[in-house]
Amino acid sequence: HVPYLVLVTVKCQIKDISKIEGEATINNRKKKLIYFYEWELELEWKGGLEESKTSFTGKAEIPNLSEENDIEDIDVNVSVKSNSDEAHKVKEVVRKKGSDIIRERLGQYIKDLKTEFSQNLILPSKDQKKSPTATEKKPVVKKDMSALPVVSKAAPKEQNIGVKINTLTYKYQEDFLCPPDELYTTLTDVVRVQAWTHSPAEMETEKGGPFVLFNGMVEGIFDELSFPNKIVMRWRFKSWPPAHYSVVTVQLIDKHDHTVMRLTQTGIPDSDFDRTKAGWRQYYWVPIKDTFGFGARVGSL
């Protein structure tokens, strides 16, 4: 979350990024990197007058974040979910002052896109290949808008990079001999998760909460937690390109004598599809059944 910002007499906070649509690609043409990005964003904000106990909520929509527009030309359309005079005052401060801060954050994303995410995309020349260079550990850039993904792909040693990551979708279904609430808790309670992963886990089970599993091999963010029937999360292997997440939706359907678990995962890099597909069964479903005795028949979509 973005820290609280004092805007004249208003305190305002970005609570969530409710919409991210678009993509970013990096082309390597004749050893020159060319950047293309186009995003539509929708932010949820909450704020109020500093001297008042009343708070209001609203949206900030960014329809035209792209390489065709300078950062100062990016539109930030602010709205508020109230018609009161006080709400209008808050909205106007967010529109005038908050928009500048949002553009500043977006400018940092663009800067990161052109630096951090494009590392190693230009191949060294023949002379450079002959001269060994010291390995330098790059610092991690921490970003408040870390939810913004980028699709890029490092170049193979003997050919140019692709324009973007090709992704696939995986669907799977499996039955568990337990009620939905038991399976939901098994997937979201850190104590239970550590039991079936047989390794330390970090997990904040709330909307926007991060999780880290399997000694850091898997990481992600919870986007929706609807007990006891639905979990939506951004999910990634740590080895994937920086900030590239797949989206995993887990639905738990009560069949009285068992629970049907339906998983849909979109945005899986095609180069890692087989490992991802096998990993769900090998590291999730089989250990869960073995640990808690939820064994049942198996099928797939």
Protein backbone atom coordinates (compact mmCIF):
# COMPACT_ATOMS: atom_id res chain seq x y z
CA HIS A 1 0.00 0.00 0.00
CA VAL A 2 1.06 3.59 -0.65
CA PRO A 3 1.76 5.35 2.65
CA TYR A 4 -0.66 8.02 3.90
CA LEU A 5 -0.06 11.32 2.15
CA VAL A 6 -1.05 14.66 3.66
CA LEU A 7 -2.55 16.72 0.85
CA VAL A 8 -3.22 20.24 2.21
CA THR A 9 -6.08 19.41 4.66
CA VAL A 10 -6.77 15.95 3.26
CA LYS A 11 -5.37 12.52 4.08
CA CYS A 12 -5.66 10.05 1.24
CA GLN A 13 -4.50 6.48 0.64
CA ILE A 14 -4.51 4.20 -2.40
CA LYS A 15 -6.16 1.04 -1.04
CA ASP A 16 -6.09 -1.25 -4.06
CA ILE A 17 -5.38 -1.61 -7.77
CA SER A 18 -8.71 -3.03 -8.94
CA LYS A 19 -7.98 -3.17 -12.66
CA ILE A 20 -4.83 -3.84 -14.67
CA GLU A 21 -5.32 -4.45 -18.38
CA GLY A 22 -2.67 -4.29 -21.09
CA GLU A 23 0.90 -5.39 -21.62
CA ALA A 24 4.48 -4.22 -21.92
CA THR A 25 6.96 -5.63 -24.41
CA ILE A 26 10.64 -5.03 -25.10
CA ASN A 27 12.10 -5.52 -28.58
CA ASN A 28 15.79 -5.93 -29.31
CA ARG A 29 16.40 -4.55 -32.79
CA LYS A 30 19.98 -4.28 -33.97
CA LYS A 31 21.25 -4.11 -30.38
CA LYS A 32 18.82 -1.30 -29.58
CA LEU A 33 16.01 -1.82 -27.09
CA ILE A 34 12.59 -0.51 -28.11
CA TYR A 35 9.87 -0.32 -25.48
CA PHE A 36 6.14 -0.68 -26.02
CA TYR A 37 3.62 -0.53 -23.20
CA GLU A 38 -0.08 0.17 -22.97
CA TRP A 39 -2.04 -0.06 -19.74
CA GLU A 40 -5.48 0.75 -18.39
CA LEU A 41 -5.51 1.03 -14.60
CA GLU A 42 -8.17 1.57 -11.98
CA LEU A 43 -7.17 2.50 -8.43
CA GLU A 44 -9.34 2.49 -5.30
CA TRP A 45 -8.70 5.38 -2.91
CA LYS A 46 -9.92 6.33 0.56
CA GLY A 47 -9.55 9.70 2.21
CA GLY A 48 -11.08 12.55 4.17
CA LEU A 49 -10.51 16.00 5.60
CA GLU A 50 -7.82 16.00 8.27
CA GLU A 51 -10.07 17.62 10.85
CA SER A 52 -13.03 15.33 10.09
CA LYS A 53 -13.76 11.75 11.16
CA THR A 54 -15.68 11.10 7.94
CA SER A 55 -13.88 9.26 5.18
CA PHE A 56 -14.86 8.75 1.55
CA THR A 57 -13.97 6.25 -1.14
CA GLY A 58 -13.58 6.62 -4.86
CA LYS A 59 -11.68 5.64 -7.96
CA ALA A 60 -8.79 6.99 -10.00
CA GLU A 61 -8.85 5.71 -13.58
CA ILE A 62 -5.78 5.85 -15.85
CA PRO A 63 -6.89 4.98 -19.41
CA ASN A 64 -3.81 5.93 -21.43
CA LEU A 65 -0.54 4.86 -19.82
CA SER A 66 1.53 4.16 -22.94
CA GLU A 67 4.81 5.01 -24.63
CA GLU A 68 2.88 7.42 -26.89
CA ASN A 69 2.18 9.78 -23.99
CA ASP A 70 4.59 11.72 -21.82
CA ILE A 71 4.07 11.07 -18.14
CA GLU A 72 2.64 14.57 -17.59
CA ASP A 73 0.04 13.84 -20.29
CA ILE A 74 -1.28 10.71 -18.59
CA ASP A 75 -4.95 11.15 -17.68
CA VAL A 76 -5.98 10.49 -14.08
CA ASN A 77 -9.78 10.62 -13.83
CA VAL A 78 -10.84 10.89 -10.19
CA SER A 79 -14.34 10.13 -8.88
CA VAL A 80 -15.90 9.83 -5.42
CA LYS A 81 -18.80 7.67 -4.21
CA SER A 82 -20.66 10.48 -2.46
CA ASN A 83 -22.43 13.70 -3.47
CA SER A 84 -21.82 15.70 -0.29
CA ASP A 85 -19.94 19.00 -0.29
CA GLU A 86 -17.25 17.52 1.95
CA ALA A 87 -16.77 14.58 -0.43
CA HIS A 88 -16.42 17.01 -3.34
CA LYS A 89 -13.69 18.93 -1.48
CA VAL A 90 -11.79 15.72 -0.83
CA LYS A 91 -12.15 14.61 -4.45
CA GLU A 92 -10.82 17.93 -5.76
CA VAL A 93 -7.70 17.69 -3.61
CA VAL A 94 -7.13 14.11 -4.75
CA ARG A 95 -7.66 15.19 -8.36
CA LYS A 96 -5.25 18.13 -8.18
CA LYS A 97 -2.55 16.89 -5.80
CA GLY A 98 -3.04 13.13 -5.77
CA SER A 99 -2.88 12.90 -9.56
CA ASP A 100 0.64 14.32 -9.53
CA ILE A 101 1.73 11.69 -7.00
CA ILE A 102 0.14 8.91 -9.07
CA ARG A 103 1.96 10.15 -12.19
CA GLU A 104 5.20 10.17 -10.19
CA ARG A 105 4.65 6.49 -9.26
CA LEU A 106 3.85 5.60 -12.86
CA GLY A 107 6.99 7.41 -13.96
CA GLN A 108 8.99 5.20 -11.60
CA TYR A 109 7.38 2.11 -13.16
CA ILE A 110 8.44 3.28 -16.64
CA LYS A 111 11.96 3.95 -15.36
CA ASP A 112 12.11 0.44 -13.88
CA LEU A 113 10.81 -1.02 -17.13
CA LYS A 114 13.69 0.56 -19.01
CA THR A 115 16.37 -0.39 -16.47
CA GLU A 116 15.66 -3.26 -14.10
CA PHE A 117 13.46 -5.37 -16.41
CA SER A 118 15.65 -4.94 -19.51
CA GLN A 119 18.87 -6.22 -17.94
CA ASN A 120 20.80 -8.71 -20.07
CA LEU A 121 18.53 -8.24 -23.11
CA ILE A 122 21.35 -6.89 -25.31
CA LEU A 123 23.90 -9.55 -26.17
CA PRO A 124 27.61 -8.70 -25.81
CA SER A 125 29.72 -8.22 -28.91
CA LYS A 126 32.39 -10.75 -29.88
CA ASP A 127 35.09 -8.63 -28.24
CA GLN A 128 33.03 -8.32 -25.08
CA LYS A 129 32.54 -12.09 -24.95
CA LYS A 130 36.30 -12.62 -24.94
CA SER A 131 36.84 -10.35 -21.94
CA PRO A 132 35.56 -11.76 -18.65
CA THR A 133 33.74 -9.25 -16.49
CA ALA A 134 33.10 -9.25 -12.79
CA THR A 135 29.63 -10.30 -11.70
CA GLU A 136 27.80 -7.46 -10.02
CA LYS A 137 24.80 -8.12 -7.82
CA LYS A 138 22.03 -5.75 -8.80
CA PRO A 139 20.10 -4.07 -5.99
CA VAL A 140 16.43 -4.91 -5.63
CA VAL A 141 14.22 -1.99 -6.55
CA LYS A 142 11.25 -1.74 -4.20
CA LYS A 143 8.13 -0.30 -5.81
CA ASP A 144 4.83 0.74 -4.24
CA MET A 145 3.12 -0.12 -7.53
CA SER A 146 4.62 -3.60 -7.63
CA ALA A 147 1.35 -5.04 -8.85
CA LEU A 148 2.03 -3.70 -12.33
CA PRO A 149 3.29 -6.66 -14.39
CA VAL A 150 5.68 -6.58 -17.32
CA VAL A 151 5.95 -9.21 -20.01
CA SER A 152 9.51 -9.56 -21.23
CA LYS A 153 11.83 -12.39 -22.13
CA ALA A 154 15.60 -12.67 -21.81
CA ALA A 155 17.40 -13.41 -25.06
CA PRO A 156 18.82 -16.87 -25.79
CA LYS A 157 22.55 -16.76 -26.38
CA GLU A 158 22.36 -17.41 -30.10
CA GLN A 159 19.22 -15.57 -31.21
CA ASN A 160 17.28 -12.36 -30.69
CA ILE A 161 14.66 -12.11 -27.99
CA GLY A 162 10.96 -12.65 -28.64
CA VAL A 163 8.69 -9.65 -28.48
CA LYS A 164 6.94 -10.91 -25.37
CA ILE A 165 6.31 -13.93 -23.18
CA ASN A 166 3.96 -16.46 -24.74
CA THR A 167 1.58 -17.75 -22.08
CA LEU A 168 -0.78 -20.67 -21.64
CA THR A 169 -3.80 -21.49 -19.48
CA TYR A 170 -4.08 -24.58 -17.27
CA LYS A 171 -7.33 -26.04 -15.93
CA TYR A 172 -7.56 -28.88 -13.44
CA GLN A 173 -10.15 -30.57 -11.25
CA GLU A 174 -9.70 -32.84 -8.25
CA ASP A 175 -11.93 -34.28 -5.52
CA PHE A 176 -11.21 -34.10 -1.79
CA LEU A 177 -12.98 -36.06 0.95
CA CYS A 178 -13.62 -33.05 3.19
CA PRO A 179 -16.01 -30.07 3.31
CA PRO A 180 -15.04 -26.87 1.42
CA ASP A 181 -14.20 -24.95 4.61
CA GLU A 182 -11.60 -27.56 5.60
CA LEU A 183 -9.87 -27.41 2.23
CA TYR A 184 -10.08 -23.60 2.16
CA THR A 185 -8.39 -23.42 5.57
CA THR A 186 -5.77 -25.93 4.47
CA LEU A 187 -4.84 -23.64 1.57
CA THR A 188 -4.83 -20.36 3.51
CA ASP A 189 -3.80 -21.08 7.13
CA VAL A 190 -0.04 -20.72 7.49
CA VAL A 191 0.24 -23.51 10.10
CA ARG A 192 -1.52 -25.99 7.85
CA VAL A 193 0.40 -24.79 4.80
CA GLN A 194 3.70 -25.43 6.58
CA ALA A 195 2.45 -28.91 7.46
CA TRP A 196 1.76 -30.03 3.88
CA THR A 197 4.65 -28.15 2.25
CA HIS A 198 7.07 -29.49 4.90
CA SER A 199 8.87 -26.14 4.79
CA PRO A 200 8.62 -22.62 6.26
CA ALA A 201 5.91 -20.40 4.78
CA GLU A 202 5.04 -16.72 5.02
CA MET A 203 1.41 -15.77 4.49
CA GLU A 204 -0.86 -12.78 5.16
CA THR A 205 -4.34 -14.18 4.52
CA GLU A 206 -6.13 -11.00 3.48
CA LYS A 207 -6.85 -9.18 0.25
CA GLY A 208 -3.55 -7.78 -0.99
CA GLY A 209 -1.61 -9.98 1.42
CA PRO A 210 1.62 -11.59 0.14
CA PHE A 211 2.66 -15.22 0.50
CA VAL A 212 5.96 -17.07 0.08
CA LEU A 213 6.13 -20.88 -0.10
CA PHE A 214 8.69 -23.65 -0.57
CA ASN A 215 11.66 -21.66 0.77
CA GLY A 216 10.94 -18.78 -1.62
CA MET A 217 10.47 -20.85 -4.77
CA VAL A 218 6.82 -19.72 -5.05
CA GLU A 219 5.53 -16.25 -4.21
CA GLY A 220 2.36 -14.29 -4.79
CA ILE A 221 -0.43 -12.02 -3.59
CA PHE A 222 -4.00 -12.81 -2.54
CA ASP A 223 -6.50 -10.84 -4.66
CA GLU A 224 -9.77 -12.40 -3.46
CA LEU A 225 -10.59 -14.54 -0.43
CA SER A 226 -14.23 -15.67 -0.32
CA PHE A 227 -14.56 -18.20 2.49
CA PRO A 228 -15.18 -21.06 1.97
CA ASN A 229 -15.59 -21.27 -1.79
CA LYS A 230 -13.12 -19.14 -3.75
CA ILE A 231 -9.48 -18.01 -3.72
CA VAL A 232 -7.95 -15.75 -6.39
CA MET A 233 -4.25 -14.98 -6.29
CA ARG A 234 -1.35 -13.71 -8.33
CA TRP A 235 1.13 -16.61 -8.37
CA ARG A 236 4.65 -16.95 -9.72
CA PHE A 237 7.80 -19.00 -9.57
CA LYS A 238 10.65 -16.83 -8.31
CA SER A 239 12.60 -17.78 -11.45
CA TRP A 240 10.05 -16.09 -13.74
CA PRO A 241 10.85 -12.65 -15.23
CA PRO A 242 10.54 -9.87 -12.64
CA ALA A 243 6.94 -8.84 -11.85
CA HIS A 244 5.38 -11.42 -14.19
CA TYR A 245 2.52 -13.17 -12.39
CA SER A 246 0.03 -15.78 -13.45
CA VAL A 247 -3.52 -15.53 -12.10
CA VAL A 248 -4.80 -18.56 -10.18
CA THR A 249 -8.48 -19.06 -9.38
CA VAL A 250 -9.41 -21.90 -7.01
CA GLN A 251 -13.10 -22.77 -6.68
CA LEU A 252 -14.32 -25.18 -3.98
CA ILE A 253 -17.69 -26.78 -4.74
CA ASP A 254 -19.62 -28.63 -2.04
CA LYS A 255 -20.90 -32.03 -3.23
CA HIS A 256 -22.14 -33.10 0.24
CA ASP A 257 -19.92 -36.19 0.49
CA HIS A 258 -16.84 -34.50 -1.00
CA THR A 259 -15.50 -31.20 -2.35
CA VAL A 260 -14.67 -30.56 -5.99
CA MET A 261 -11.62 -28.32 -6.38
CA ARG A 262 -11.44 -26.52 -9.73
CA LEU A 263 -8.27 -24.64 -10.57
CA THR A 264 -7.77 -22.23 -13.48
CA GLN A 265 -4.36 -20.65 -14.01
CA THR A 266 -3.80 -18.06 -16.74
CA GLY A 267 -0.58 -16.36 -17.81
CA ILE A 268 1.79 -19.33 -17.41
CA PRO A 269 4.97 -18.83 -19.50
CA ASP A 270 4.81 -21.53 -22.17
CA SER A 271 8.44 -22.45 -21.50
CA ASP A 272 7.50 -23.36 -17.92
CA PHE A 273 4.05 -24.87 -18.52
CA ASP A 274 4.97 -28.52 -17.92
CA ARG A 275 6.80 -27.78 -14.66
CA THR A 276 3.92 -25.65 -13.43
CA LYS A 277 1.32 -28.26 -14.35
CA ALA A 278 3.21 -31.09 -12.66
CA GLY A 279 3.99 -28.96 -9.62
CA TRP A 280 0.36 -28.49 -8.59
CA ARG A 281 -0.19 -32.21 -8.24
CA GLN A 282 3.24 -33.12 -6.89
CA TYR A 283 3.64 -30.28 -4.38
CA TYR A 284 0.04 -29.29 -3.57
CA TRP A 285 -2.72 -31.88 -4.01
CA VAL A 286 -0.90 -35.13 -3.24
CA PRO A 287 0.84 -33.78 -0.08
CA ILE A 288 -2.44 -32.24 1.14
CA LYS A 289 -4.21 -35.59 0.82
CA ASP A 290 -1.34 -37.47 2.42
CA THR A 291 -1.05 -35.02 5.32
CA PHE A 292 -4.74 -34.57 6.20
CA GLY A 293 -6.33 -37.74 4.84
CA PHE A 294 -8.44 -35.98 2.20
CA GLY A 295 -7.78 -38.72 -0.37
CA ALA A 296 -10.29 -39.04 -3.21
CA ARG A 297 -10.57 -39.88 -6.87
CA VAL A 298 -8.79 -37.65 -9.39
CA GLY A 299 -9.92 -36.15 -12.68
CA SER A 300 -9.05 -33.17 -14.85
CA LEU A 301 -10.78 -30.67 -17.12
